[in-house]
C-alpha atoms as a PDB file:
ATOM      1  CA  MET A   1     142.633 111.856  94.338  1.00  0.00           C
ATOM      2  CA  HIS A   2     139.066 112.824  95.357  1.00  0.00           C
ATOM      3  CA  TYR A   3     137.768 114.899  98.225  1.00  0.00           C
ATOM      4  CA  ARG A   4     134.209 114.802  99.503  1.00  0.00           C
ATOM      5  CA  LEU A   5     132.788 118.107 100.680  1.00  0.00           C
ATOM      6  CA  SER A   6     129.168 118.296 101.735  1.00  0.00           C
ATOM      7  CA  ARG A   7     127.081 117.082  98.791  1.00  0.00           C
ATOM      8  CA  HIS A   8     129.813 117.582  96.211  1.00  0.00           C
ATOM      9  CA  VAL A   9     132.657 115.431  94.978  1.00  0.00           C
ATOM     10  CA  ILE A  10     135.755 117.337  93.946  1.00  0.00           C
ATOM     11  CA  ASN A  11     138.434 115.909  91.711  1.00  0.00           C
ATOM     12  CA  ARG A  12     141.540 118.054  91.902  1.00  0.00           C
ATOM     13  CA  PHE A  13     141.422 118.432  88.094  1.00  0.00           C
ATOM     14  CA  SER A  14     137.720 119.162  87.640  1.00  0.00           C
ATOM     15  CA  LYS A  15     134.863 121.295  88.847  1.00  0.00           C
ATOM     16  CA  PRO A  16     132.713 119.993  91.737  1.00  0.00           C
ATOM     17  CA  GLU A  17     130.030 117.488  90.729  1.00  0.00           C
ATOM     18  CA  ARG A  18     126.686 117.595  92.487  1.00  0.00           C
ATOM     19  CA  ILE A  19     125.633 114.417  94.275  1.00  0.00           C
ATOM     20  CA  ALA A  20     121.884 113.978  93.921  1.00  0.00           C
ATOM     21  CA  VAL A  21     119.800 114.312  97.052  1.00  0.00           C
ATOM     22  CA  LYS A  22     117.045 111.724  97.339  1.00  0.00           C
ATOM     23  CA  VAL A  23     113.861 111.853  99.412  1.00  0.00           C
ATOM     24  CA  ARG A  24     111.801 109.083 100.972  1.00  0.00           C
ATOM     25  CA  VAL A  25     108.559 108.976 102.981  1.00  0.00           C
ATOM     26  CA  ASP A  26     108.101 106.175 105.533  1.00  0.00           C
ATOM     27  CA  GLN A  27     104.514 105.059 104.944  1.00  0.00           C
ATOM     28  CA  GLU A  28     104.362 103.421 108.377  1.00  0.00           C
ATOM     29  CA  ARG A  29     105.072 106.741 110.100  1.00  0.00           C
ATOM     30  CA  CYS A  30     103.186 109.158 107.825  1.00  0.00           C
ATOM     31  CA  GLN A  31      99.876 110.237 109.375  1.00  0.00           C
ATOM     32  CA  GLY A  32      98.724 112.540 106.586  1.00  0.00           C
ATOM     33  CA  HIS A  33      99.312 115.909 108.240  1.00  0.00           C
ATOM     34  CA  THR A  34      99.980 117.290 104.692  1.00  0.00           C
ATOM     35  CA  LEU A  35     102.634 119.807 105.791  1.00  0.00           C
ATOM     36  CA  CYS A  36     105.152 118.419 103.300  1.00  0.00           C
ATOM     37  CA  ALA A  37     102.815 118.992 100.362  1.00  0.00           C
ATOM     38  CA  MET A  38     102.056 122.516 101.551  1.00  0.00           C
ATOM     39  CA  ILE A  39     105.783 123.325 101.855  1.00  0.00           C
ATOM     40  CA  ALA A  40     107.008 121.515  98.721  1.00  0.00           C
ATOM     41  CA  PRO A  41     103.985 120.820  96.479  1.00  0.00           C
ATOM     42  CA  GLU A  42     106.186 119.987  93.481  1.00  0.00           C
ATOM     43  CA  MET A  43     107.842 117.163  95.434  1.00  0.00           C
ATOM     44  CA  PHE A  44     105.035 115.493  97.418  1.00  0.00           C
ATOM     45  CA  GLU A  45     101.639 114.157  96.422  1.00  0.00           C
ATOM     46  CA  LEU A  46      98.885 113.149  98.799  1.00  0.00           C
ATOM     47  CA  ASP A  47      96.695 110.059  98.713  1.00  0.00           C
ATOM     48  CA  ASP A  48      93.054 110.957  98.020  1.00  0.00           C
ATOM     49  CA  VAL A  49      91.781 108.557 100.673  1.00  0.00           C
ATOM     50  CA  ASP A  50      93.942 109.103 103.757  1.00  0.00           C
ATOM     51  CA  GLY A  51      96.189 112.054 102.846  1.00  0.00           C
ATOM     52  CA  HIS A  52      99.396 110.052 103.208  1.00  0.00           C
ATOM     53  CA  SER A  53     102.300 111.524 101.312  1.00  0.00           C
ATOM     54  CA  THR A  54     104.568 110.024  98.680  1.00  0.00           C
ATOM     55  CA  PRO A  55     107.391 111.728  96.815  1.00  0.00           C
ATOM     56  CA  VAL A  56     106.591 112.711  93.244  1.00  0.00           C
ATOM     57  CA  ARG A  57     110.099 111.470  92.428  1.00  0.00           C
ATOM     58  CA  GLU A  58     112.998 110.202  94.505  1.00  0.00           C
ATOM     59  CA  ASP A  59     115.677 112.524  93.106  1.00  0.00           C
ATOM     60  CA  VAL A  60     115.387 116.071  94.391  1.00  0.00           C
ATOM     61  CA  PRO A  61     116.174 118.800  91.839  1.00  0.00           C
ATOM     62  CA  PRO A  62     118.649 121.393  93.137  1.00  0.00           C
ATOM     63  CA  GLU A  63     116.008 124.124  93.110  1.00  0.00           C
ATOM     64  CA  GLN A  64     113.782 122.019  95.422  1.00  0.00           C
ATOM     65  CA  GLU A  65     116.416 121.034  98.015  1.00  0.00           C
ATOM     66  CA  ASN A  66     115.610 123.873 100.425  1.00  0.00           C
ATOM     67  CA  ALA A  67     111.866 123.177 100.306  1.00  0.00           C
ATOM     68  CA  VAL A  68     112.398 119.434 100.829  1.00  0.00           C
ATOM     69  CA  THR A  69     114.734 120.129 103.757  1.00  0.00           C
ATOM     70  CA  GLU A  70     112.061 122.345 105.302  1.00  0.00           C
ATOM     71  CA  ALA A  71     109.463 119.601 104.762  1.00  0.00           C
ATOM     72  CA  VAL A  72     111.735 117.060 106.492  1.00  0.00           C
ATOM     73  CA  GLN A  73     112.163 119.379 109.469  1.00  0.00           C
ATOM     74  CA  SER A  74     108.434 120.221 109.604  1.00  0.00           C
ATOM     75  CA  CYS A  75     107.061 116.665 109.579  1.00  0.00           C
ATOM     76  CA  PRO A  76     105.652 116.015 113.070  1.00  0.00           C
ATOM     77  CA  GLU A  77     105.958 112.245 112.579  1.00  0.00           C
ATOM     78  CA  ARG A  78     109.546 112.407 111.235  1.00  0.00           C
ATOM     79  CA  ALA A  79     108.336 110.291 108.300  1.00  0.00           C
ATOM     80  CA  ILE A  80     110.393 112.090 105.647  1.00  0.00           C
ATOM     81  CA  SER A  81     114.108 111.562 105.152  1.00  0.00           C
ATOM     82  CA  THR A  82     116.736 112.623 102.667  1.00  0.00           C
ATOM     83  CA  PHE A  83     119.839 110.692 101.714  1.00  0.00           C
END
């Protein structure tokens, strides 16, 4: 029997396992405002030509989840999503 709570899966016989958070940037929506890279520089890199953002990696380390969440909420184009 398994229970899903937030971002954790709990087996009644084991400790909670962390489900990895992933981040994505929609290149069609990104306008290069650079807020994401200012908020979470370890997670976003900017294109040298137009400033568009791409994630450094898709999987978000636990210590970066708060910064990535703030970047998602701060993006004026709503180009960043987590899943």
